[in-house]
């Protein structure tokens, strides 16, 4: 049983099939190259952002500010929104990583799954750095918040005072 076209010589059919296979392989190689460059560039950007956040955090600690940093809470809200976006980016990248792992056309030598692994690590690192900064700012500002000066002997007195206000 012959599945190749019957017009032309067998050599022509084999050559045509080989060209089609090579063309498909070239398209796959182009897609792999594009993916690697894109994911690696995005990973570098995430790493740079993480470094910037870490430097900002370190600078704030060294400054030892004696006034609240985020009196209105707007900075912490923005930081929280940033981590929400990063969580969505992480979920999307996880799906792409899984697809790369399951794609029978890709091999470990292609590096696509590894590139997505590095991206996921960078996204998680940036997320964690932003969270640490947000928590530090909230704690810093809470410590500087003036207290009421009241002391309570037990929880019931505290709750009664909170309810009266």
N, C-alpha and C. Protein backbone atom coordinates (compact mmCIF):
# COMPACT_ATOMS: atom_id res chain seq x y z
N UNK A 1 0.85 -1.17 0.00
CA UNK A 1 0.00 0.00 0.00
C UNK A 1 0.90 1.24 0.00
N UNK A 2 0.67 2.15 -0.93
CA UNK A 2 1.50 3.33 -1.09
C UNK A 2 0.67 4.57 -0.75
N UNK A 3 1.11 5.32 0.27
CA UNK A 3 0.38 6.52 0.68
C UNK A 3 0.94 7.79 0.03
N UNK A 4 2.04 7.67 -0.69
CA UNK A 4 2.63 8.82 -1.35
C UNK A 4 1.95 9.02 -2.69
N UNK A 5 1.93 10.28 -3.16
CA UNK A 5 1.31 10.52 -4.47
C UNK A 5 1.97 9.67 -5.55
N UNK A 6 1.17 9.26 -6.54
CA UNK A 6 1.68 8.38 -7.58
C UNK A 6 2.25 9.14 -8.77
N UNK A 7 1.98 10.42 -8.89
CA UNK A 7 2.54 11.17 -10.01
C UNK A 7 3.99 11.50 -9.71
N UNK A 8 4.85 11.42 -10.65
CA UNK A 8 6.26 11.69 -10.46
C UNK A 8 6.99 10.47 -9.96
N UNK A 9 8.29 10.60 -9.87
CA UNK A 9 9.10 9.46 -9.43
C UNK A 9 9.05 9.32 -7.92
N UNK A 10 9.48 8.17 -7.44
CA UNK A 10 9.55 7.95 -5.99
C UNK A 10 10.53 8.92 -5.36
N UNK A 11 11.60 9.24 -6.06
CA UNK A 11 12.58 10.20 -5.53
C UNK A 11 11.95 11.57 -5.33
N UNK A 12 11.09 11.99 -6.27
CA UNK A 12 10.40 13.29 -6.14
C UNK A 12 9.48 13.29 -4.92
N UNK A 13 8.80 12.19 -4.72
CA UNK A 13 7.88 12.09 -3.57
C UNK A 13 8.65 12.15 -2.26
N UNK A 14 9.74 11.43 -2.19
CA UNK A 14 10.55 11.42 -0.97
C UNK A 14 11.12 12.80 -0.72
N UNK A 15 11.59 13.45 -1.78
CA UNK A 15 12.17 14.80 -1.67
C UNK A 15 11.10 15.79 -1.18
N UNK A 16 9.90 15.69 -1.73
CA UNK A 16 8.80 16.57 -1.32
C UNK A 16 8.43 16.35 0.14
N UNK A 17 8.36 15.09 0.53
CA UNK A 17 8.06 14.77 1.93
C UNK A 17 9.15 15.29 2.86
N UNK A 18 10.41 15.12 2.46
CA UNK A 18 11.54 15.58 3.27
C UNK A 18 11.52 17.11 3.39
N UNK A 19 11.20 17.78 2.29
CA UNK A 19 11.13 19.24 2.33
C UNK A 19 10.02 19.72 3.26
N UNK A 20 8.89 19.04 3.22
CA UNK A 20 7.77 19.41 4.09
C UNK A 20 8.14 19.19 5.55
N UNK A 21 8.80 18.08 5.83
CA UNK A 21 9.23 17.79 7.20
C UNK A 21 10.27 18.80 7.66
N UNK A 22 11.20 19.16 6.78
CA UNK A 22 12.24 20.14 7.14
C UNK A 22 11.61 21.51 7.38
N UNK A 23 10.64 21.87 6.55
CA UNK A 23 9.95 23.16 6.72
C UNK A 23 9.23 23.20 8.06
N UNK A 24 8.57 22.14 8.40
CA UNK A 24 7.88 22.07 9.70
C UNK A 24 8.90 22.18 10.83
N UNK A 25 10.04 21.53 10.68
CA UNK A 25 11.07 21.58 11.70
C UNK A 25 11.63 22.99 11.83
N UNK A 26 11.79 23.69 10.71
CA UNK A 26 12.27 25.06 10.76
C UNK A 26 11.28 25.96 11.49
N UNK A 27 10.00 25.76 11.22
CA UNK A 27 8.97 26.55 11.91
C UNK A 27 8.99 26.27 13.41
N UNK A 28 9.17 25.02 13.78
CA UNK A 28 9.26 24.67 15.19
C UNK A 28 10.49 25.30 15.83
N UNK A 29 11.61 25.23 15.13
CA UNK A 29 12.84 25.83 15.65
C UNK A 29 12.70 27.35 15.81
N UNK A 30 12.02 28.00 14.86
CA UNK A 30 11.77 29.44 14.97
C UNK A 30 10.90 29.73 16.19
N UNK A 31 9.87 28.91 16.39
CA UNK A 31 8.98 29.11 17.54
C UNK A 31 9.73 28.90 18.85
N UNK A 32 10.61 27.90 18.88
CA UNK A 32 11.41 27.65 20.08
C UNK A 32 12.32 28.84 20.35
N UNK A 33 12.99 29.32 19.31
CA UNK A 33 13.90 30.46 19.47
C UNK A 33 13.15 31.70 19.95
N UNK A 34 12.01 31.98 19.35
CA UNK A 34 11.21 33.13 19.75
C UNK A 34 10.78 33.01 21.21
N UNK A 35 10.33 31.83 21.59
CA UNK A 35 9.89 31.60 22.97
C UNK A 35 11.04 31.79 23.94
N UNK A 36 12.18 31.21 23.63
CA UNK A 36 13.34 31.33 24.52
C UNK A 36 13.76 32.78 24.71
N UNK A 37 13.86 33.52 23.62
CA UNK A 37 14.27 34.93 23.71
C UNK A 37 13.25 35.73 24.52
N UNK A 38 11.98 35.54 24.24
CA UNK A 38 10.93 36.28 24.94
C UNK A 38 10.90 35.96 26.44
N UNK A 39 10.92 34.69 26.76
CA UNK A 39 10.83 34.28 28.16
C UNK A 39 12.09 34.70 28.92
N UNK A 40 13.24 34.56 28.30
CA UNK A 40 14.49 34.97 28.97
C UNK A 40 14.53 36.48 29.19
N UNK A 41 14.05 37.27 28.22
CA UNK A 41 13.98 38.72 28.41
C UNK A 41 13.03 39.09 29.54
N UNK A 42 11.88 38.46 29.56
CA UNK A 42 10.91 38.73 30.64
C UNK A 42 11.47 38.33 32.00
N UNK A 43 12.20 37.24 32.03
CA UNK A 43 12.82 36.78 33.28
C UNK A 43 13.83 37.81 33.78
N UNK A 44 14.63 38.34 32.86
CA UNK A 44 15.61 39.37 33.24
C UNK A 44 14.92 40.61 33.80
N UNK A 45 13.81 40.99 33.19
CA UNK A 45 13.06 42.16 33.68
C UNK A 45 12.54 41.90 35.09
N UNK A 46 11.99 40.72 35.32
CA UNK A 46 11.50 40.38 36.66
C UNK A 46 12.64 40.39 37.68
N UNK A 47 13.79 39.85 37.29
CA UNK A 47 14.95 39.85 38.18
C UNK A 47 15.40 41.28 38.51
N UNK A 48 15.42 42.16 37.51
CA UNK A 48 15.80 43.56 37.74
C UNK A 48 14.80 44.25 38.67
N UNK A 49 13.53 43.98 38.47
CA UNK A 49 12.51 44.57 39.33
C UNK A 49 12.67 44.08 40.77
N UNK A 50 12.97 42.79 40.93
CA UNK A 50 13.19 42.25 42.26
C UNK A 50 14.38 42.94 42.92
N UNK A 51 15.44 43.15 42.16
CA UNK A 51 16.61 43.83 42.69
C UNK A 51 16.28 45.27 43.10
N UNK A 52 15.49 45.95 42.28
CA UNK A 52 15.08 47.33 42.61
C UNK A 52 14.25 47.36 43.88
N UNK A 53 13.33 46.43 44.02
CA UNK A 53 12.49 46.38 45.23
C UNK A 53 13.36 46.09 46.45
N UNK A 54 14.29 45.17 46.32
CA UNK A 54 15.19 44.85 47.44
C UNK A 54 16.03 46.06 47.82
N UNK A 55 16.53 46.80 46.82
CA UNK A 55 17.31 48.01 47.11
C UNK A 55 16.46 49.08 47.78
N UNK A 56 15.24 49.24 47.33
CA UNK A 56 14.32 50.20 47.96
C UNK A 56 14.06 49.81 49.41
N UNK A 57 13.79 48.55 49.63
CA UNK A 57 13.53 48.04 50.98
C UNK A 57 14.73 48.30 51.88
N UNK A 58 15.91 47.96 51.39
CA UNK A 58 17.14 48.17 52.15
C UNK A 58 17.35 49.65 52.45
N UNK A 59 17.08 50.50 51.46
CA UNK A 59 17.23 51.94 51.66
C UNK A 59 16.28 52.49 52.72
N UNK A 60 15.06 51.98 52.72
CA UNK A 60 14.09 52.41 53.73
C UNK A 60 14.52 51.98 55.12
N UNK A 61 15.05 50.78 55.23
CA UNK A 61 15.51 50.30 56.53
C UNK A 61 16.66 51.16 57.02
N UNK A 62 17.62 51.45 56.13
CA UNK A 62 18.78 52.25 56.51
C UNK A 62 18.39 53.69 56.86
N UNK A 63 17.37 54.21 56.20
CA UNK A 63 16.94 55.60 56.44
C UNK A 63 16.39 55.78 57.85
N UNK A 64 15.89 54.69 58.42
CA UNK A 64 15.37 54.72 59.79
C UNK A 64 14.39 55.88 60.00
N UNK A 65 13.45 56.01 59.09
CA UNK A 65 12.47 57.10 59.14
C UNK A 65 11.66 57.05 60.43
N UNK A 66 11.46 58.19 61.02
CA UNK A 66 10.69 58.29 62.26
C UNK A 66 9.29 58.84 62.00
N UNK A 67 8.90 58.85 60.73
CA UNK A 67 7.54 59.24 60.35
C UNK A 67 6.96 58.12 59.50
N UNK A 68 5.66 58.02 59.50
CA UNK A 68 5.03 56.97 58.67
C UNK A 68 5.38 57.15 57.19
N UNK A 69 5.53 56.05 56.50
CA UNK A 69 5.86 56.05 55.08
C UNK A 69 4.59 56.10 54.23
N UNK A 70 3.56 55.43 54.70
CA UNK A 70 2.34 55.28 53.90
C UNK A 70 1.12 55.61 54.76
N UNK A 71 1.05 56.86 55.18
CA UNK A 71 -0.02 57.29 56.07
C UNK A 71 -1.41 57.00 55.49
N UNK A 72 -1.57 57.19 54.19
CA UNK A 72 -2.89 56.98 53.56
C UNK A 72 -3.15 55.52 53.22
N UNK A 73 -2.11 54.72 53.16
CA UNK A 73 -2.26 53.31 52.81
C UNK A 73 -2.23 53.05 51.31
N UNK A 74 -2.08 54.11 50.52
CA UNK A 74 -2.11 53.97 49.05
C UNK A 74 -0.93 53.15 48.53
N UNK A 75 0.23 53.31 49.13
CA UNK A 75 1.41 52.57 48.67
C UNK A 75 1.20 51.08 48.89
N UNK A 76 0.73 50.72 50.06
CA UNK A 76 0.53 49.29 50.35
C UNK A 76 -0.57 48.69 49.47
N UNK A 77 -1.59 49.48 49.16
CA UNK A 77 -2.63 49.00 48.25
C UNK A 77 -2.02 48.73 46.88
N UNK A 78 -1.18 49.64 46.40
CA UNK A 78 -0.53 49.45 45.10
C UNK A 78 0.39 48.23 45.11
N UNK A 79 1.12 48.06 46.19
CA UNK A 79 1.99 46.89 46.30
C UNK A 79 1.18 45.60 46.31
N UNK A 80 0.05 45.62 47.00
CA UNK A 80 -0.81 44.43 47.03
C UNK A 80 -1.38 44.13 45.65
N UNK A 81 -1.77 45.17 44.93
CA UNK A 81 -2.26 44.97 43.56
C UNK A 81 -1.16 44.39 42.68
N UNK A 82 0.06 44.84 42.90
CA UNK A 82 1.19 44.31 42.12
C UNK A 82 1.37 42.82 42.36
N UNK A 83 1.24 42.40 43.60
CA UNK A 83 1.39 40.96 43.88
C UNK A 83 0.22 40.17 43.31
N UNK A 84 -0.96 40.79 43.25
CA UNK A 84 -2.10 40.12 42.62
C UNK A 84 -1.83 39.90 41.13
N UNK A 85 -1.28 40.92 40.46
CA UNK A 85 -0.93 40.78 39.04
C UNK A 85 0.13 39.70 38.87
N UNK A 86 1.13 39.71 39.74
CA UNK A 86 2.18 38.69 39.65
C UNK A 86 1.62 37.29 39.87
N UNK A 87 0.64 37.16 40.73
CA UNK A 87 0.02 35.84 40.94
C UNK A 87 -0.66 35.36 39.66
N UNK A 88 -1.34 36.28 38.97
CA UNK A 88 -1.97 35.90 37.69
C UNK A 88 -0.92 35.56 36.63
N UNK A 89 0.16 36.34 36.60
CA UNK A 89 1.24 36.05 35.65
C UNK A 89 1.86 34.69 35.95
N UNK A 90 2.01 34.38 37.23
CA UNK A 90 2.59 33.10 37.64
C UNK A 90 1.69 31.94 37.20
N UNK A 91 0.38 32.11 37.38
CA UNK A 91 -0.55 31.05 36.99
C UNK A 91 -0.50 30.81 35.48
N UNK A 92 -0.46 31.89 34.70
CA UNK A 92 -0.39 31.75 33.25
C UNK A 92 0.92 31.10 32.83
N UNK A 93 2.02 31.50 33.45
CA UNK A 93 3.32 30.93 33.13
C UNK A 93 3.40 29.46 33.55
N UNK A 94 2.74 29.12 34.63
CA UNK A 94 2.72 27.71 35.07
C UNK A 94 2.04 26.84 34.02
N UNK A 95 0.96 27.34 33.45
CA UNK A 95 0.27 26.59 32.40
C UNK A 95 1.17 26.44 31.17
N UNK A 96 1.90 27.48 30.82
CA UNK A 96 2.81 27.41 29.68
C UNK A 96 3.96 26.46 29.96
N UNK A 97 4.46 26.48 31.19
CA UNK A 97 5.51 25.53 31.58
C UNK A 97 5.01 24.10 31.45
N UNK A 98 3.79 23.86 31.93
CA UNK A 98 3.22 22.52 31.84
C UNK A 98 3.06 22.09 30.39
N UNK A 99 2.62 23.02 29.54
CA UNK A 99 2.48 22.70 28.11
C UNK A 99 3.83 22.35 27.50
N UNK A 100 4.86 23.11 27.86
CA UNK A 100 6.20 22.83 27.34
C UNK A 100 6.68 21.46 27.79
N UNK A 101 6.36 21.10 29.02
CA UNK A 101 6.78 19.78 29.53
C UNK A 101 6.06 18.64 28.82
N UNK A 102 4.81 18.90 28.42
CA UNK A 102 3.99 17.85 27.81
C UNK A 102 4.09 17.80 26.29
N UNK A 103 4.68 18.82 25.66
CA UNK A 103 4.74 18.88 24.21
C UNK A 103 5.75 17.85 23.69
N UNK A 104 5.26 16.87 22.96
CA UNK A 104 6.11 15.79 22.48
C UNK A 104 7.14 16.27 21.47
N UNK A 105 6.92 17.45 20.87
CA UNK A 105 7.87 17.97 19.88
C UNK A 105 9.10 18.59 20.52
N UNK A 106 9.03 18.88 21.82
CA UNK A 106 10.13 19.53 22.51
C UNK A 106 10.96 18.51 23.27
N UNK A 107 12.26 18.78 23.34
CA UNK A 107 13.14 17.94 24.14
C UNK A 107 13.74 18.81 25.25
N UNK A 108 14.34 18.18 26.21
CA UNK A 108 14.97 18.94 27.29
C UNK A 108 16.11 19.81 26.75
N UNK A 109 16.73 19.38 25.67
CA UNK A 109 17.81 20.17 25.05
C UNK A 109 17.31 21.48 24.46
N UNK A 110 16.02 21.54 24.13
CA UNK A 110 15.46 22.78 23.57
C UNK A 110 15.48 23.91 24.60
N UNK A 111 15.34 23.57 25.87
CA UNK A 111 15.42 24.57 26.93
C UNK A 111 14.15 25.34 27.22
N UNK A 112 13.06 25.02 26.55
CA UNK A 112 11.82 25.78 26.74
C UNK A 112 11.27 25.59 28.15
N UNK A 113 11.19 24.36 28.60
CA UNK A 113 10.68 24.10 29.96
C UNK A 113 11.59 24.75 31.00
N UNK A 114 12.91 24.67 30.78
CA UNK A 114 13.85 25.30 31.71
C UNK A 114 13.68 26.81 31.74
N UNK A 115 13.44 27.41 30.59
CA UNK A 115 13.23 28.86 30.53
C UNK A 115 11.99 29.25 31.33
N UNK A 116 10.92 28.46 31.20
CA UNK A 116 9.71 28.74 31.98
C UNK A 116 9.95 28.51 33.47
N UNK A 117 10.77 27.53 33.83
CA UNK A 117 11.11 27.29 35.23
C UNK A 117 11.83 28.52 35.81
N UNK A 118 12.78 29.06 35.05
CA UNK A 118 13.49 30.26 35.50
C UNK A 118 12.55 31.46 35.64
N UNK A 119 11.63 31.59 34.70
CA UNK A 119 10.64 32.67 34.76
C UNK A 119 9.78 32.55 36.02
N UNK A 120 9.33 31.34 36.29
CA UNK A 120 8.50 31.10 37.48
C UNK A 120 9.26 31.46 38.75
N UNK A 121 10.52 31.10 38.79
CA UNK A 121 11.36 31.42 39.95
C UNK A 121 11.49 32.94 40.11
N UNK A 122 11.70 33.63 39.01
CA UNK A 122 11.83 35.10 39.05
C UNK A 122 10.52 35.76 39.46
N UNK A 123 9.41 35.27 38.94
CA UNK A 123 8.10 35.84 39.30
C UNK A 123 7.82 35.62 40.79
N UNK A 124 8.13 34.44 41.28
CA UNK A 124 7.93 34.14 42.71
C UNK A 124 8.84 35.01 43.57
N UNK A 125 10.07 35.21 43.13
CA UNK A 125 11.01 36.06 43.87
C UNK A 125 10.55 37.50 43.94
N UNK A 126 10.07 38.04 42.82
CA UNK A 126 9.56 39.41 42.81
C UNK A 126 8.32 39.53 43.69
N UNK A 127 7.43 38.58 43.58
CA UNK A 127 6.22 38.57 44.42
C UNK A 127 6.61 38.62 45.89
N UNK A 128 7.53 37.76 46.29
CA UNK A 128 7.93 37.69 47.69
C UNK A 128 8.63 38.97 48.14
N UNK A 129 9.45 39.57 47.27
CA UNK A 129 10.13 40.81 47.62
C UNK A 129 9.13 41.95 47.82
N UNK A 130 8.12 42.01 46.98
CA UNK A 130 7.09 43.04 47.12
C UNK A 130 6.30 42.82 48.40
N UNK A 131 5.96 41.58 48.68
CA UNK A 131 5.22 41.26 49.92
C UNK A 131 6.03 41.64 51.16
N UNK A 132 7.32 41.33 51.14
CA UNK A 132 8.18 41.69 52.27
C UNK A 132 8.22 43.21 52.46
N UNK A 133 8.33 43.95 51.38
CA UNK A 133 8.35 45.41 51.45
C UNK A 133 7.02 45.93 52.00
N UNK A 134 5.91 45.42 51.48
CA UNK A 134 4.59 45.85 51.94
C UNK A 134 4.41 45.58 53.43
N UNK A 135 4.77 44.38 53.86
CA UNK A 135 4.63 44.03 55.28
C UNK A 135 5.55 44.90 56.14
N UNK A 136 6.75 45.19 55.66
CA UNK A 136 7.67 46.03 56.42
C UNK A 136 7.10 47.44 56.57
N UNK A 137 6.57 48.00 55.48
CA UNK A 137 5.98 49.34 55.55
C UNK A 137 4.81 49.37 56.52
N UNK A 138 3.93 48.39 56.43
CA UNK A 138 2.78 48.34 57.34
C UNK A 138 3.23 48.23 58.79
N UNK A 139 4.21 47.40 59.07
CA UNK A 139 4.72 47.25 60.43
C UNK A 139 5.40 48.53 60.90
N UNK A 140 6.23 49.10 60.04
CA UNK A 140 6.92 50.35 60.37
C UNK A 140 5.91 51.44 60.75
N UNK A 141 4.89 51.59 59.92
CA UNK A 141 3.89 52.64 60.17
C UNK A 141 3.06 52.33 61.41
N UNK A 142 2.77 51.06 61.65
CA UNK A 142 1.98 50.69 62.83
C UNK A 142 2.75 51.00 64.12
N UNK A 143 4.05 50.76 64.09
CA UNK A 143 4.88 51.04 65.27
C UNK A 143 4.89 52.53 65.57
N UNK A 144 4.88 53.35 64.53
CA UNK A 144 4.92 54.81 64.72
C UNK A 144 3.54 55.42 65.00
N UNK A 145 2.51 54.64 64.83
CA UNK A 145 1.15 55.11 65.08
C UNK A 145 1.01 55.47 66.56
N UNK A 146 0.52 56.66 66.83
CA UNK A 146 0.36 57.02 68.25
C UNK A 146 -0.70 56.14 68.91
N UNK A 147 -0.39 55.70 70.09
CA UNK A 147 -1.34 54.88 70.84
C UNK A 147 -2.32 55.75 71.60
N UNK A 148 -3.31 55.13 72.16
CA UNK A 148 -4.32 55.87 72.93
C UNK A 148 -3.82 56.17 74.35
N UNK A 149 -2.79 55.48 74.76
CA UNK A 149 -2.27 55.66 76.11
C UNK A 149 -3.04 54.84 77.15
N UNK A 150 -4.09 54.19 76.71
CA UNK A 150 -4.89 53.39 77.63
C UNK A 150 -4.26 52.03 77.81
N UNK A 151 -4.43 51.51 79.03
CA UNK A 151 -4.00 50.14 79.32
C UNK A 151 -5.22 49.38 79.84
N UNK A 152 -5.27 48.13 79.49
CA UNK A 152 -6.41 47.31 79.86
C UNK A 152 -5.95 46.14 80.72
N UNK A 153 -6.73 45.85 81.74
CA UNK A 153 -6.42 44.74 82.63
C UNK A 153 -6.83 43.40 82.05
N UNK A 154 -7.83 43.43 81.18
CA UNK A 154 -8.29 42.19 80.59
C UNK A 154 -8.97 42.47 79.25
N UNK A 155 -9.25 41.43 78.53
CA UNK A 155 -9.81 41.54 77.19
C UNK A 155 -11.21 42.15 77.22
N UNK A 156 -11.98 41.83 78.24
CA UNK A 156 -13.34 42.35 78.31
C UNK A 156 -13.35 43.88 78.36
N UNK A 157 -12.42 44.48 79.12
CA UNK A 157 -12.34 45.94 79.18
C UNK A 157 -11.94 46.53 77.82
N UNK A 158 -11.03 45.87 77.13
CA UNK A 158 -10.61 46.32 75.80
C UNK A 158 -11.80 46.28 74.84
N UNK A 159 -12.52 45.17 74.82
CA UNK A 159 -13.66 45.03 73.91
C UNK A 159 -14.74 46.05 74.25
N UNK A 160 -14.99 46.26 75.52
CA UNK A 160 -16.00 47.25 75.92
C UNK A 160 -15.59 48.64 75.45
N UNK A 161 -14.32 48.99 75.56
CA UNK A 161 -13.85 50.30 75.11
C UNK A 161 -13.96 50.43 73.59
N UNK A 162 -13.63 49.36 72.86
CA UNK A 162 -13.75 49.39 71.39
C UNK A 162 -15.20 49.57 70.97
N UNK A 163 -16.11 48.92 71.64
CA UNK A 163 -17.54 49.05 71.32
C UNK A 163 -18.08 50.44 71.64
N UNK A 164 -17.52 51.09 72.63
CA UNK A 164 -18.02 52.41 73.01
C UNK A 164 -17.58 53.48 72.02
N UNK A 165 -16.55 53.19 71.26
CA UNK A 165 -16.06 54.18 70.26
C UNK A 165 -16.69 53.92 68.97
